[in-house]
Amino acid sequence: MTFEDGIHAVANFGFTERQARFLVTVMLQAGVCLPRQYAAFAGIVHGQKTRTFFAKLVNHRYASAYPCRHNRGCIYQVHHKPLYRAIGQTDSRHRRPLSPARVVRGLMLLDAVLADPALVWLATDQDKAVGLTKLPSIDPDRPHLRIGTPSDTPRIVAEKFPIGIDPDGRMVLLYLATDSEDGPCRAFVQRHIELLRSVPAWTVRIAVPPWPQGLAELYAKTVTEELTATLRPALLNQLRGRFDERRKVAESGWEPPNPEDFDQAEQAFKTPRLQRLYRRWLTHGDRVFDHAVKGLNHALDSGSGRVETLVLPHQYRHLSPMVNSTTRRPKGPRR
């Protein structure tokens, strides 16, 4: 099912084309939304039309409203199963009860998506499998990309963040950063190195909240370092040997010929970056060393690759002390 097919299916529930387009975006990306986000999406002033739309969602039990801190409006979770079934996402995780942290992240992610309406956002595995394989130079059969290929190993498409495609075919890899812990971001970039190598033009976009200050600069530096950092060939040869020894010790209880030397090497290679590289090596093998030697400096220098930040214009801190869960009380036969 295409995005437009989903819009037509949702419109059959009695929504306008604009309302249906917004609802499909919400259900695919976050499951939660705010009235101001609909007003911004529709290009209208937050007024009677917006209130009527959200009142209809609640009255028809398409969504539930939850109050924010200090009575500053409500957050709406779209959870109606037939709506999700209409877009082919019956078992979407966005229908489930969400923690306050998940709610805030969902609202931030939706703001990041709505900030660039020119992009076609690929939210689901199926959308990414179809959308990415349409890009020039992408080979869907490359095993290390795993685009749309069932497997027990991690796949590029198996990420919670959407991927955007602009009208010129540039891929936008979106990452949402909420605090100063950059380890998950570094791992995210490493997992997508092969994909970045395979497309002609790409952008890594880091969306951050307006507070704490300096977060955008921190992540821009982090991502650039991860894309350009390389290892010396001599060190790379040592890593191959150490990684192989470490795996044999873990899997079969193999004893190294020189335990003291092995322990010293373990301490020397215990940096966070090398630990992430080792975990990727266990899954993908020696191909992970290709990036460690070459990096993506050429793409960044030529402009075919970009690193950019998006500072979201709204505060989210007042949304965090919500109820512990948005569990809905059963009604009708379910009671």
C-alpha atoms as a PDB file:
ATOM      1  CA  MET A   1       0.000   0.000   0.000  1.00  0.00           C
ATOM      2  CA  THR A   2       1.338   3.420  -0.969  1.00  0.00           C
ATOM      3  CA  PHE A   3       1.054   6.572   1.100  1.00  0.00           C
ATOM      4  CA  GLU A   4      -1.652   7.892  -1.232  1.00  0.00           C
ATOM      5  CA  ASP A   5      -3.579   4.629  -0.917  1.00  0.00           C
ATOM      6  CA  GLY A   6      -3.521   5.084   2.858  1.00  0.00           C
ATOM      7  CA  ILE A   7      -4.879   8.616   2.521  1.00  0.00           C
ATOM      8  CA  HIS A   8      -7.823   7.432   0.425  1.00  0.00           C
ATOM      9  CA  ALA A   9      -8.540   4.611   2.883  1.00  0.00           C
ATOM     10  CA  VAL A  10      -8.544   6.947   5.910  1.00  0.00           C
ATOM     11  CA  ALA A  11     -10.631   9.542   4.092  1.00  0.00           C
ATOM     12  CA  ASN A  12     -13.386   6.920   3.826  1.00  0.00           C
ATOM     13  CA  PHE A  13     -13.856   7.273   7.599  1.00  0.00           C
ATOM     14  CA  GLY A  14     -15.294  10.740   6.976  1.00  0.00           C
ATOM     15  CA  PHE A  15     -12.162  12.885   6.938  1.00  0.00           C
ATOM     16  CA  THR A  16     -11.105  15.482   4.412  1.00  0.00           C
ATOM     17  CA  GLU A  17      -8.087  14.786   2.216  1.00  0.00           C
ATOM     18  CA  ARG A  18      -5.968  17.151   4.341  1.00  0.00           C
ATOM     19  CA  GLN A  19      -7.084  15.570   7.613  1.00  0.00           C
ATOM     20  CA  ALA A  20      -6.492  12.077   6.237  1.00  0.00           C
ATOM     21  CA  ARG A  21      -2.984  13.012   5.054  1.00  0.00           C
ATOM     22  CA  PHE A  22      -2.135  14.307   8.522  1.00  0.00           C
ATOM     23  CA  LEU A  23      -3.546  11.228  10.253  1.00  0.00           C
ATOM     24  CA  VAL A  24      -1.608   8.845   8.021  1.00  0.00           C
ATOM     25  CA  THR A  25       1.583  10.783   8.756  1.00  0.00           C
ATOM     26  CA  VAL A  26       0.909  10.606  12.499  1.00  0.00           C
ATOM     27  CA  MET A  27       0.089   6.893  12.485  1.00  0.00           C
ATOM     28  CA  LEU A  28       3.183   6.000  10.479  1.00  0.00           C
ATOM     29  CA  GLN A  29       5.651   8.210  12.341  1.00  0.00           C
ATOM     30  CA  ALA A  30       4.629   8.593  15.984  1.00  0.00           C
ATOM     31  CA  GLY A  31       1.043   7.713  16.891  1.00  0.00           C
ATOM     32  CA  VAL A  32       0.811  10.905  18.974  1.00  0.00           C
ATOM     33  CA  CYS A  33       0.272  14.517  17.974  1.00  0.00           C
ATOM     34  CA  LEU A  34      -0.633  18.004  19.146  1.00  0.00           C
ATOM     35  CA  PRO A  35      -3.227  20.409  17.720  1.00  0.00           C
ATOM     36  CA  ARG A  36      -0.480  22.922  16.866  1.00  0.00           C
ATOM     37  CA  GLN A  37       1.142  20.280  14.665  1.00  0.00           C
ATOM     38  CA  TYR A  38      -2.038  19.869  12.647  1.00  0.00           C
ATOM     39  CA  ALA A  39      -2.392  23.645  12.320  1.00  0.00           C
ATOM     40  CA  ALA A  40       1.195  23.917  11.058  1.00  0.00           C
ATOM     41  CA  PHE A  41       0.706  20.981   8.684  1.00  0.00           C
ATOM     42  CA  ALA A  42      -2.501  22.448   7.263  1.00  0.00           C
ATOM     43  CA  GLY A  43      -1.147  26.003   7.133  1.00  0.00           C
ATOM     44  CA  ILE A  44      -4.031  27.377   9.190  1.00  0.00           C
ATOM     45  CA  VAL A  45      -4.365  29.331  12.414  1.00  0.00           C
ATOM     46  CA  HIS A  46      -4.956  27.201  15.492  1.00  0.00           C
ATOM     47  CA  GLY A  47      -8.679  27.853  15.955  1.00  0.00           C
ATOM     48  CA  GLN A  48     -12.117  26.385  15.478  1.00  0.00           C
ATOM     49  CA  LYS A  49     -11.219  24.087  12.572  1.00  0.00           C
ATOM     50  CA  THR A  50      -8.456  22.490  14.593  1.00  0.00           C
ATOM     51  CA  ARG A  51     -10.631  22.085  17.698  1.00  0.00           C
ATOM     52  CA  THR A  52     -13.438  20.540  15.637  1.00  0.00           C
ATOM     53  CA  PHE A  53     -11.047  18.045  14.035  1.00  0.00           C
ATOM     54  CA  PHE A  54      -9.605  16.836  17.349  1.00  0.00           C
ATOM     55  CA  ALA A  55     -13.026  16.761  19.015  1.00  0.00           C
ATOM     56  CA  LYS A  56     -14.159  14.439  16.227  1.00  0.00           C
ATOM     57  CA  LEU A  57     -11.159  12.169  16.830  1.00  0.00           C
ATOM     58  CA  VAL A  58     -12.010  11.847  20.523  1.00  0.00           C
ATOM     59  CA  ASN A  59     -15.801  11.614  20.151  1.00  0.00           C
ATOM     60  CA  HIS A  60     -15.520   8.793  17.601  1.00  0.00           C
ATOM     61  CA  ARG A  61     -12.862   7.089  19.746  1.00  0.00           C
ATOM     62  CA  TYR A  62     -10.282   7.332  17.003  1.00  0.00           C
ATOM     63  CA  ALA A  63      -7.923   8.923  19.524  1.00  0.00           C
ATOM     64  CA  SER A  64      -7.586   9.625  23.246  1.00  0.00           C
ATOM     65  CA  ALA A  65      -6.646  12.955  24.815  1.00  0.00           C
ATOM     66  CA  TYR A  66      -4.225  13.225  27.751  1.00  0.00           C
ATOM     67  CA  PRO A  67      -3.596  16.469  29.659  1.00  0.00           C
ATOM     68  CA  CYS A  68      -0.172  18.080  29.761  1.00  0.00           C
ATOM     69  CA  ARG A  69       1.523  19.616  32.763  1.00  0.00           C
ATOM     70  CA  HIS A  70      -0.133  22.721  34.268  1.00  0.00           C
ATOM     71  CA  ASN A  71      -3.200  22.156  32.031  1.00  0.00           C
ATOM     72  CA  ARG A  72      -1.272  23.333  28.975  1.00  0.00           C
ATOM     73  CA  GLY A  73      -3.451  21.598  26.397  1.00  0.00           C
ATOM     74  CA  CYS A  74      -3.681  17.907  25.565  1.00  0.00           C
ATOM     75  CA  ILE A  75      -1.667  15.273  23.770  1.00  0.00           C
ATOM     76  CA  TYR A  76      -3.615  12.996  21.425  1.00  0.00           C
ATOM     77  CA  GLN A  77      -2.779   9.362  20.724  1.00  0.00           C
ATOM     78  CA  VAL A  78      -4.371   7.894  17.593  1.00  0.00           C
ATOM     79  CA  HIS A  79      -5.080   4.254  18.464  1.00  0.00           C
ATOM     80  CA  HIS A  80      -8.217   3.188  16.552  1.00  0.00           C
ATOM     81  CA  LYS A  81      -7.458  -0.265  15.174  1.00  0.00           C
ATOM     82  CA  PRO A  82      -9.586   0.021  11.994  1.00  0.00           C
ATOM     83  CA  LEU A  83      -7.693   3.206  11.072  1.00  0.00           C
ATOM     84  CA  TYR A  84      -4.368   1.401  11.328  1.00  0.00           C
ATOM     85  CA  ARG A  85      -5.784  -1.583   9.485  1.00  0.00           C
ATOM     86  CA  ALA A  86      -6.834   0.749   6.679  1.00  0.00           C
ATOM     87  CA  ILE A  87      -3.191   1.741   6.082  1.00  0.00           C
ATOM     88  CA  GLY A  88      -1.861  -1.795   6.456  1.00  0.00           C
ATOM     89  CA  GLN A  89      -0.394  -1.267   9.958  1.00  0.00           C
ATOM     90  CA  THR A  90      -2.832  -3.202  12.148  1.00  0.00           C
ATOM     91  CA  ASP A  91      -0.215  -4.212  14.711  1.00  0.00           C
ATOM     92  CA  SER A  92       1.669  -0.919  14.798  1.00  0.00           C
ATOM     93  CA  ARG A  93       3.614  -0.259  18.015  1.00  0.00           C
ATOM     94  CA  HIS A  94       2.113   3.241  18.012  1.00  0.00           C
ATOM     95  CA  ARG A  95      -1.244   1.818  19.122  1.00  0.00           C
ATOM     96  CA  ARG A  96       0.200   0.515  22.387  1.00  0.00           C
ATOM     97  CA  PRO A  97       0.301   2.385  25.707  1.00  0.00           C
ATOM     98  CA  LEU A  98       3.275   4.732  25.682  1.00  0.00           C
ATOM     99  CA  SER A  99       5.547   5.951  28.441  1.00  0.00           C
ATOM    100  CA  PRO A 100       5.998   9.738  28.890  1.00  0.00           C
ATOM    101  CA  ALA A 101       9.463   9.510  27.340  1.00  0.00           C
ATOM    102  CA  ARG A 102       8.102   7.683  24.270  1.00  0.00           C
ATOM    103  CA  VAL A 103       5.353  10.274  23.913  1.00  0.00           C
ATOM    104  CA  VAL A 104       7.817  13.164  23.948  1.00  0.00           C
ATOM    105  CA  ARG A 105      10.123  11.434  21.462  1.00  0.00           C
ATOM    106  CA  GLY A 106       7.162  10.778  19.186  1.00  0.00           C
ATOM    107  CA  LEU A 107       6.135  14.440  19.233  1.00  0.00           C
ATOM    108  CA  MET A 108       9.704  15.533  18.511  1.00  0.00           C
ATOM    109  CA  LEU A 109       9.993  13.065  15.652  1.00  0.00           C
ATOM    110  CA  LEU A 110       6.720  14.287  14.167  1.00  0.00           C
ATOM    111  CA  ASP A 111       7.939  17.894  14.373  1.00  0.00           C
ATOM    112  CA  ALA A 112      11.142  16.890  12.560  1.00  0.00           C
ATOM    113  CA  VAL A 113       9.150  15.194   9.786  1.00  0.00           C
ATOM    114  CA  LEU A 114       6.688  18.074   9.401  1.00  0.00           C
ATOM    115  CA  ALA A 115       9.570  20.572   9.244  1.00  0.00           C
ATOM    116  CA  ASP A 116      10.412  19.413   5.697  1.00  0.00           C
ATOM    117  CA  PRO A 117       7.198  18.673   3.759  1.00  0.00           C
ATOM    118  CA  ALA A 118       9.107  18.454   0.462  1.00  0.00           C
ATOM    119  CA  LEU A 119      10.596  15.109   1.487  1.00  0.00           C
ATOM    120  CA  VAL A 120       8.937  11.761   0.953  1.00  0.00           C
ATOM    121  CA  TRP A 121       9.330  10.064   4.328  1.00  0.00           C
ATOM    122  CA  LEU A 122       9.761   6.286   4.419  1.00  0.00           C
ATOM    123  CA  ALA A 123       8.549   5.107   7.815  1.00  0.00           C
ATOM    124  CA  THR A 124       8.015   1.346   7.638  1.00  0.00           C
ATOM    125  CA  ASP A 125      10.295  -1.499   6.588  1.00  0.00           C
ATOM    126  CA  GLN A 126       8.160  -2.029   3.515  1.00  0.00           C
ATOM    127  CA  ASP A 127       8.310   1.655   2.528  1.00  0.00           C
ATOM    128  CA  LYS A 128      12.094   1.724   2.950  1.00  0.00           C
ATOM    129  CA  ALA A 129      12.569  -1.500   0.992  1.00  0.00           C
ATOM    130  CA  VAL A 130      10.617  -0.091  -1.952  1.00  0.00           C
ATOM    131  CA  GLY A 131      11.778   3.523  -1.734  1.00  0.00           C
ATOM    132  CA  LEU A 132      15.493   2.861  -1.273  1.00  0.00           C
ATOM    133  CA  THR A 133      15.753   0.310  -4.064  1.00  0.00           C
ATOM    134  CA  LYS A 134      14.425   2.938  -6.489  1.00  0.00           C
ATOM    135  CA  LEU A 135      17.469   5.131  -5.875  1.00  0.00           C
ATOM    136  CA  PRO A 136      20.294   5.020  -8.457  1.00  0.00           C
ATOM    137  CA  SER A 137      23.207   2.691  -7.622  1.00  0.00           C
ATOM    138  CA  ILE A 138      21.304   0.807  -4.907  1.00  0.00           C
ATOM    139  CA  ASP A 139      21.536  -2.953  -5.363  1.00  0.00           C
ATOM    140  CA  PRO A 140      18.771  -4.636  -3.313  1.00  0.00           C
ATOM    141  CA  ASP A 141      20.627  -7.959  -3.421  1.00  0.00           C
ATOM    142  CA  ARG A 142      23.738  -6.713  -1.628  1.00  0.00           C
ATOM    143  CA  PRO A 143      23.742  -8.906   1.506  1.00  0.00           C
ATOM    144  CA  HIS A 144      25.263  -6.271   3.767  1.00  0.00           C
ATOM    145  CA  LEU A 145      22.389  -3.861   3.073  1.00  0.00           C
ATOM    146  CA  ARG A 146      19.592  -6.360   3.721  1.00  0.00           C
ATOM    147  CA  ILE A 147      17.015  -4.066   2.106  1.00  0.00           C
ATOM    148  CA  GLY A 148      13.724  -5.905   2.322  1.00  0.00           C
ATOM    149  CA  THR A 149      15.399  -9.292   2.752  1.00  0.00           C
ATOM    150  CA  PRO A 150      14.140 -11.456   5.640  1.00  0.00           C
ATOM    151  CA  SER A 151      17.051 -12.437   7.838  1.00  0.00           C
ATOM    152  CA  ASP A 152      18.010 -12.988  11.432  1.00  0.00           C
ATOM    153  CA  THR A 153      20.767 -10.398  11.072  1.00  0.00           C
ATOM    154  CA  PRO A 154      20.142  -6.655  11.530  1.00  0.00           C
ATOM    155  CA  ARG A 155      18.896  -4.866   8.425  1.00  0.00           C
ATOM    156  CA  ILE A 156      19.276  -1.283   7.287  1.00  0.00           C
ATOM    157  CA  VAL A 157      15.512  -0.941   7.035  1.00  0.00           C
ATOM    158  CA  ALA A 158      14.936  -2.222  10.574  1.00  0.00           C
ATOM    159  CA  GLU A 159      15.322   1.211  12.188  1.00  0.00           C
ATOM    160  CA  LYS A 160      12.713   3.215  14.068  1.00  0.00           C
ATOM    161  CA  PHE A 161      13.721   6.514  12.475  1.00  0.00           C
ATOM    162  CA  PRO A 162      12.247   7.381   9.064  1.00  0.00           C
ATOM    163  CA  ILE A 163      14.338   7.982   5.959  1.00  0.00           C
ATOM    164  CA  GLY A 164      13.539  10.921   3.701  1.00  0.00           C
ATOM    165  CA  ILE A 165      13.948  11.187  -0.076  1.00  0.00           C
ATOM    166  CA  ASP A 166      13.999  14.688  -1.574  1.00  0.00           C
ATOM    167  CA  PRO A 167      12.762  15.520  -5.124  1.00  0.00           C
ATOM    168  CA  ASP A 168      16.342  15.314  -6.470  1.00  0.00           C
ATOM    169  CA  GLY A 169      16.856  11.810  -5.078  1.00  0.00           C
ATOM    170  CA  ARG A 170      19.036  12.797  -2.105  1.00  0.00           C
ATOM    171  CA  MET A 171      18.539  10.483   0.862  1.00  0.00           C
ATOM    172  CA  VAL A 172      18.060  12.100   4.284  1.00  0.00           C
ATOM    173  CA  LEU A 173      18.971   9.898   7.227  1.00  0.00           C
ATOM    174  CA  LEU A 174      17.167  11.287  10.288  1.00  0.00           C
ATOM    175  CA  TYR A 175      18.339  10.793  13.858  1.00  0.00           C
ATOM    176  CA  LEU A 176      16.624  12.192  16.953  1.00  0.00           C
ATOM    177  CA  ALA A 177      18.973  13.243  19.777  1.00  0.00           C
ATOM    178  CA  THR A 178      17.486  14.051  23.166  1.00  0.00           C
ATOM    179  CA  ASP A 179      20.500  14.196  25.493  1.00  0.00           C
ATOM    180  CA  SER A 180      24.287  14.466  25.472  1.00  0.00           C
ATOM    181  CA  GLU A 181      24.899  10.692  25.415  1.00  0.00           C
ATOM    182  CA  ASP A 182      26.305  10.276  21.896  1.00  0.00           C
ATOM    183  CA  GLY A 183      27.099   6.552  22.008  1.00  0.00           C
ATOM    184  CA  PRO A 184      23.783   5.458  20.423  1.00  0.00           C
ATOM    185  CA  CYS A 185      24.257   8.051  17.671  1.00  0.00           C
ATOM    186  CA  ARG A 186      27.730   6.751  16.854  1.00  0.00           C
ATOM    187  CA  ALA A 187      26.355   3.214  16.642  1.00  0.00           C
ATOM    188  CA  PHE A 188      23.501   4.467  14.423  1.00  0.00           C
ATOM    189  CA  VAL A 189      25.967   6.065  11.996  1.00  0.00           C
ATOM    190  CA  GLN A 190      28.110   2.928  11.876  1.00  0.00           C
ATOM    191  CA  ARG A 191      25.088   0.765  11.087  1.00  0.00           C
ATOM    192  CA  HIS A 192      24.294   2.968   8.098  1.00  0.00           C
ATOM    193  CA  ILE A 193      27.779   3.345   6.648  1.00  0.00           C
ATOM    194  CA  GLU A 194      27.145   0.781   3.901  1.00  0.00           C
ATOM    195  CA  LEU A 195      23.897   2.488   2.946  1.00  0.00           C
ATOM    196  CA  LEU A 196      25.592   5.909   2.770  1.00  0.00           C
ATOM    197  CA  ARG A 197      28.281   4.425   0.533  1.00  0.00           C
ATOM    198  CA  SER A 198      25.625   3.024  -1.797  1.00  0.00           C
ATOM    199  CA  VAL A 199      23.621   6.168  -2.606  1.00  0.00           C
ATOM    200  CA  PRO A 200      24.817   9.027  -4.848  1.00  0.00           C
ATOM    201  CA  ALA A 201      23.844  11.819  -2.442  1.00  0.00           C
ATOM    202  CA  TRP A 202      22.945  11.773   1.239  1.00  0.00           C
ATOM    203  CA  THR A 203      22.391  13.929   4.303  1.00  0.00           C
ATOM    204  CA  VAL A 204      22.638  12.876   7.928  1.00  0.00           C
ATOM    205  CA  ARG A 205      20.193  15.160   9.752  1.00  0.00           C
ATOM    206  CA  ILE A 206      20.294  15.356  13.539  1.00  0.00           C
ATOM    207  CA  ALA A 207      17.111  16.734  15.125  1.00  0.00           C
ATOM    208  CA  VAL A 208      17.614  18.146  18.626  1.00  0.00           C
ATOM    209  CA  PRO A 209      15.382  19.998  21.120  1.00  0.00           C
ATOM    210  CA  PRO A 210      16.109  23.671  21.902  1.00  0.00           C
ATOM    211  CA  TRP A 211      17.309  22.695  25.368  1.00  0.00           C
ATOM    212  CA  PRO A 212      19.941  21.872  26.547  1.00  0.00           C
ATOM    213  CA  GLN A 213      21.900  24.392  24.516  1.00  0.00           C
ATOM    214  CA  GLY A 214      24.895  23.209  22.513  1.00  0.00           C
ATOM    215  CA  LEU A 215      23.375  19.822  21.685  1.00  0.00           C
ATOM    216  CA  ALA A 216      23.331  20.522  17.938  1.00  0.00           C
ATOM    217  CA  GLU A 217      27.028  21.399  17.820  1.00  0.00           C
ATOM    218  CA  LEU A 218      27.932  18.349  19.909  1.00  0.00           C
ATOM    219  CA  TYR A 219      26.134  15.924  17.595  1.00  0.00           C
ATOM    220  CA  ALA A 220      27.336  17.575  14.386  1.00  0.00           C
ATOM    221  CA  LYS A 221      30.901  17.069  15.597  1.00  0.00           C
ATOM    222  CA  THR A 222      30.156  13.512  16.729  1.00  0.00           C
ATOM    223  CA  VAL A 223      28.645  12.437  13.404  1.00  0.00           C
ATOM    224  CA  THR A 224      31.403  14.083  11.363  1.00  0.00           C
ATOM    225  CA  GLU A 225      34.044  12.318  13.442  1.00  0.00           C
ATOM    226  CA  GLU A 226      32.319   8.974  13.012  1.00  0.00           C
ATOM    227  CA  LEU A 227      32.086   9.430   9.236  1.00  0.00           C
ATOM    228  CA  THR A 228      35.680  10.522   8.755  1.00  0.00           C
ATOM    229  CA  ALA A 229      37.682   8.702  11.458  1.00  0.00           C
ATOM    230  CA  THR A 230      40.031   6.049  10.053  1.00  0.00           C
ATOM    231  CA  LEU A 231      42.448   3.481  11.426  1.00  0.00           C
ATOM    232  CA  ARG A 232      46.060   2.930  10.405  1.00  0.00           C
ATOM    233  CA  PRO A 233      46.615  -0.261   8.348  1.00  0.00           C
ATOM    234  CA  ALA A 234      49.023  -1.601  10.983  1.00  0.00           C
ATOM    235  CA  LEU A 235      46.415  -1.177  13.717  1.00  0.00           C
ATOM    236  CA  LEU A 236      43.805  -2.741  11.468  1.00  0.00           C
ATOM    237  CA  ASN A 237      45.845  -5.926  11.137  1.00  0.00           C
ATOM    238  CA  GLN A 238      46.148  -6.110  14.912  1.00  0.00           C
ATOM    239  CA  LEU A 239      42.393  -5.629  15.275  1.00  0.00           C
ATOM    240  CA  ARG A 240      41.619  -8.510  12.935  1.00  0.00           C
ATOM    241  CA  GLY A 241      43.764 -10.825  15.039  1.00  0.00           C
ATOM    242  CA  ARG A 242      42.430  -9.570  18.376  1.00  0.00           C
ATOM    243  CA  PHE A 243      38.819  -9.739  17.238  1.00  0.00           C
ATOM    244  CA  ASP A 244      39.286 -13.320  16.071  1.00  0.00           C
ATOM    245  CA  GLU A 245      40.928 -14.328  19.355  1.00  0.00           C
ATOM    246  CA  ARG A 246      38.223 -12.617  21.376  1.00  0.00           C
ATOM    247  CA  ARG A 247      35.482 -14.426  19.488  1.00  0.00           C
ATOM    248  CA  LYS A 248      37.145 -17.817  19.940  1.00  0.00           C
ATOM    249  CA  VAL A 249      37.510 -17.198  23.684  1.00  0.00           C
ATOM    250  CA  ALA A 250      33.840 -16.232  23.964  1.00  0.00           C
ATOM    251  CA  GLU A 251      32.419 -19.001  21.779  1.00  0.00           C
ATOM    252  CA  SER A 252      34.533 -22.062  22.519  1.00  0.00           C
ATOM    253  CA  GLY A 253      36.551 -21.283  25.615  1.00  0.00           C
ATOM    254  CA  TRP A 254      39.769 -21.180  23.559  1.00  0.00           C
ATOM    255  CA  GLU A 255      42.804 -20.263  25.645  1.00  0.00           C
ATOM    256  CA  PRO A 256      45.279 -17.793  24.085  1.00  0.00           C
ATOM    257  CA  PRO A 257      48.922 -18.946  24.032  1.00  0.00           C
ATOM    258  CA  ASN A 258      49.954 -15.834  25.960  1.00  0.00           C
ATOM    259  CA  PRO A 259      47.153 -14.906  28.430  1.00  0.00           C
ATOM    260  CA  GLU A 260      49.008 -11.875  29.770  1.00  0.00           C
ATOM    261  CA  ASP A 261      49.476 -10.421  26.294  1.00  0.00           C
ATOM    262  CA  PHE A 262      45.805 -11.130  25.527  1.00  0.00           C
ATOM    263  CA  ASP A 263      44.640  -9.298  28.678  1.00  0.00           C
ATOM    264  CA  GLN A 264      46.808  -6.279  27.885  1.00  0.00           C
ATOM    265  CA  ALA A 265      45.384  -6.124  24.353  1.00  0.00           C
ATOM    266  CA  GLU A 266      41.856  -6.361  25.745  1.00  0.00           C
ATOM    267  CA  GLN A 267      42.468  -3.277  27.876  1.00  0.00           C
ATOM    268  CA  ALA A 268      44.101  -1.393  25.010  1.00  0.00           C
ATOM    269  CA  PHE A 269      41.177  -2.061  22.631  1.00  0.00           C
ATOM    270  CA  LYS A 270      38.471  -1.331  25.180  1.00  0.00           C
ATOM    271  CA  THR A 271      37.537   2.087  23.758  1.00  0.00           C
ATOM    272  CA  PRO A 272      33.811   2.635  22.982  1.00  0.00           C
ATOM    273  CA  ARG A 273      34.501   2.997  19.254  1.00  0.00           C
ATOM    274  CA  LEU A 274      36.412  -0.279  18.992  1.00  0.00           C
ATOM    275  CA  GLN A 275      33.768  -2.041  21.083  1.00  0.00           C
ATOM    276  CA  ARG A 276      31.082  -0.950  18.606  1.00  0.00           C
ATOM    277  CA  LEU A 277      33.320  -1.988  15.720  1.00  0.00           C
ATOM    278  CA  TYR A 278      33.760  -5.429  17.280  1.00  0.00           C
ATOM    279  CA  ARG A 279      29.990  -5.931  17.640  1.00  0.00           C
ATOM    280  CA  ARG A 280      29.502  -4.984  13.983  1.00  0.00           C
ATOM    281  CA  TRP A 281      32.364  -7.286  12.970  1.00  0.00           C
ATOM    282  CA  LEU A 282      30.627 -10.234  14.654  1.00  0.00           C
ATOM    283  CA  THR A 283      27.629  -9.673  12.371  1.00  0.00           C
ATOM    284  CA  HIS A 284      29.120  -8.397   9.124  1.00  0.00           C
ATOM    285  CA  GLY A 285      32.663  -9.765   9.104  1.00  0.00           C
ATOM    286  CA  ASP A 286      35.748  -8.056   7.682  1.00  0.00           C
ATOM    287  CA  ARG A 287      33.729  -5.698   5.451  1.00  0.00           C
ATOM    288  CA  VAL A 288      33.330  -3.385   8.471  1.00  0.00           C
ATOM    289  CA  PHE A 289      37.038  -2.572   8.141  1.00  0.00           C
ATOM    290  CA  ASP A 290      36.467  -0.972   4.710  1.00  0.00           C
ATOM    291  CA  HIS A 291      35.018   2.138   6.294  1.00  0.00           C
ATOM    292  CA  ALA A 292      37.616   2.095   9.044  1.00  0.00           C
ATOM    293  CA  VAL A 293      40.301   2.546   6.363  1.00  0.00           C
ATOM    294  CA  LYS A 294      38.558   4.811   3.828  1.00  0.00           C
ATOM    295  CA  GLY A 295      35.947   6.835   5.699  1.00  0.00           C
ATOM    296  CA  LEU A 296      33.535   9.123   3.844  1.00  0.00           C
ATOM    297  CA  ASN A 297      35.787  12.176   3.645  1.00  0.00           C
ATOM    298  CA  HIS A 298      35.486  12.427  -0.134  1.00  0.00           C
ATOM    299  CA  ALA A 299      31.686  12.558  -0.018  1.00  0.00           C
ATOM    300  CA  LEU A 300      31.735  15.320   2.605  1.00  0.00           C
ATOM    301  CA  ASP A 301      34.392  17.301   0.722  1.00  0.00           C
ATOM    302  CA  SER A 302      32.525  17.079  -2.594  1.00  0.00           C
ATOM    303  CA  GLY A 303      29.128  17.977  -1.109  1.00  0.00           C
ATOM    304  CA  SER A 304      27.465  14.720  -2.083  1.00  0.00           C
ATOM    305  CA  GLY A 305      27.422  13.960   1.634  1.00  0.00           C
ATOM    306  CA  ARG A 306      26.263  16.404   4.282  1.00  0.00           C
ATOM    307  CA  VAL A 307      25.880  16.556   8.042  1.00  0.00           C
ATOM    308  CA  GLU A 308      23.277  19.010   9.286  1.00  0.00           C
ATOM    309  CA  THR A 309      21.326  19.719  12.442  1.00  0.00           C
ATOM    310  CA  LEU A 310      17.714  20.707  12.941  1.00  0.00           C
ATOM    311  CA  VAL A 311      16.961  22.563  16.173  1.00  0.00           C
ATOM    312  CA  LEU A 312      13.276  22.024  16.840  1.00  0.00           C
ATOM    313  CA  PRO A 313      11.495  25.297  17.656  1.00  0.00           C
ATOM    314  CA  HIS A 314       9.330  24.046  20.517  1.00  0.00           C
ATOM    315  CA  GLN A 315       9.898  23.138  24.154  1.00  0.00           C
ATOM    316  CA  TYR A 316       9.009  19.619  25.285  1.00  0.00           C
ATOM    317  CA  ARG A 317       9.926  19.602  28.967  1.00  0.00           C
ATOM    318  CA  HIS A 318       6.396  20.452  30.113  1.00  0.00           C
ATOM    319  CA  LEU A 319       5.146  17.261  28.427  1.00  0.00           C
ATOM    320  CA  SER A 320       7.336  14.796  30.333  1.00  0.00           C
ATOM    321  CA  PRO A 321       5.554  14.549  33.746  1.00  0.00           C
ATOM    322  CA  MET A 322       2.468  12.906  32.251  1.00  0.00           C
ATOM    323  CA  VAL A 323       0.785   9.851  33.704  1.00  0.00           C
ATOM    324  CA  ASN A 324       2.971   6.756  33.718  1.00  0.00           C
ATOM    325  CA  SER A 325       1.104   5.208  30.836  1.00  0.00           C
ATOM    326  CA  THR A 326      -1.623   6.032  28.392  1.00  0.00           C
ATOM    327  CA  THR A 327      -3.495   2.811  29.085  1.00  0.00           C
ATOM    328  CA  ARG A 328      -7.044   3.059  27.785  1.00  0.00           C
ATOM    329  CA  ARG A 329      -9.961   1.750  29.842  1.00  0.00           C
ATOM    330  CA  PRO A 330     -11.769  -1.044  28.027  1.00  0.00           C
ATOM    331  CA  LYS A 331     -15.265  -0.244  26.832  1.00  0.00           C
ATOM    332  CA  GLY A 332     -18.174  -2.268  25.581  1.00  0.00           C
ATOM    333  CA  PRO A 333     -17.637  -6.031  25.245  1.00  0.00           C
ATOM    334  CA  ARG A 334     -13.978  -5.731  26.263  1.00  0.00           C
ATOM    335  CA  ARG A 335     -15.011  -4.579  29.756  1.00  0.00           C
END
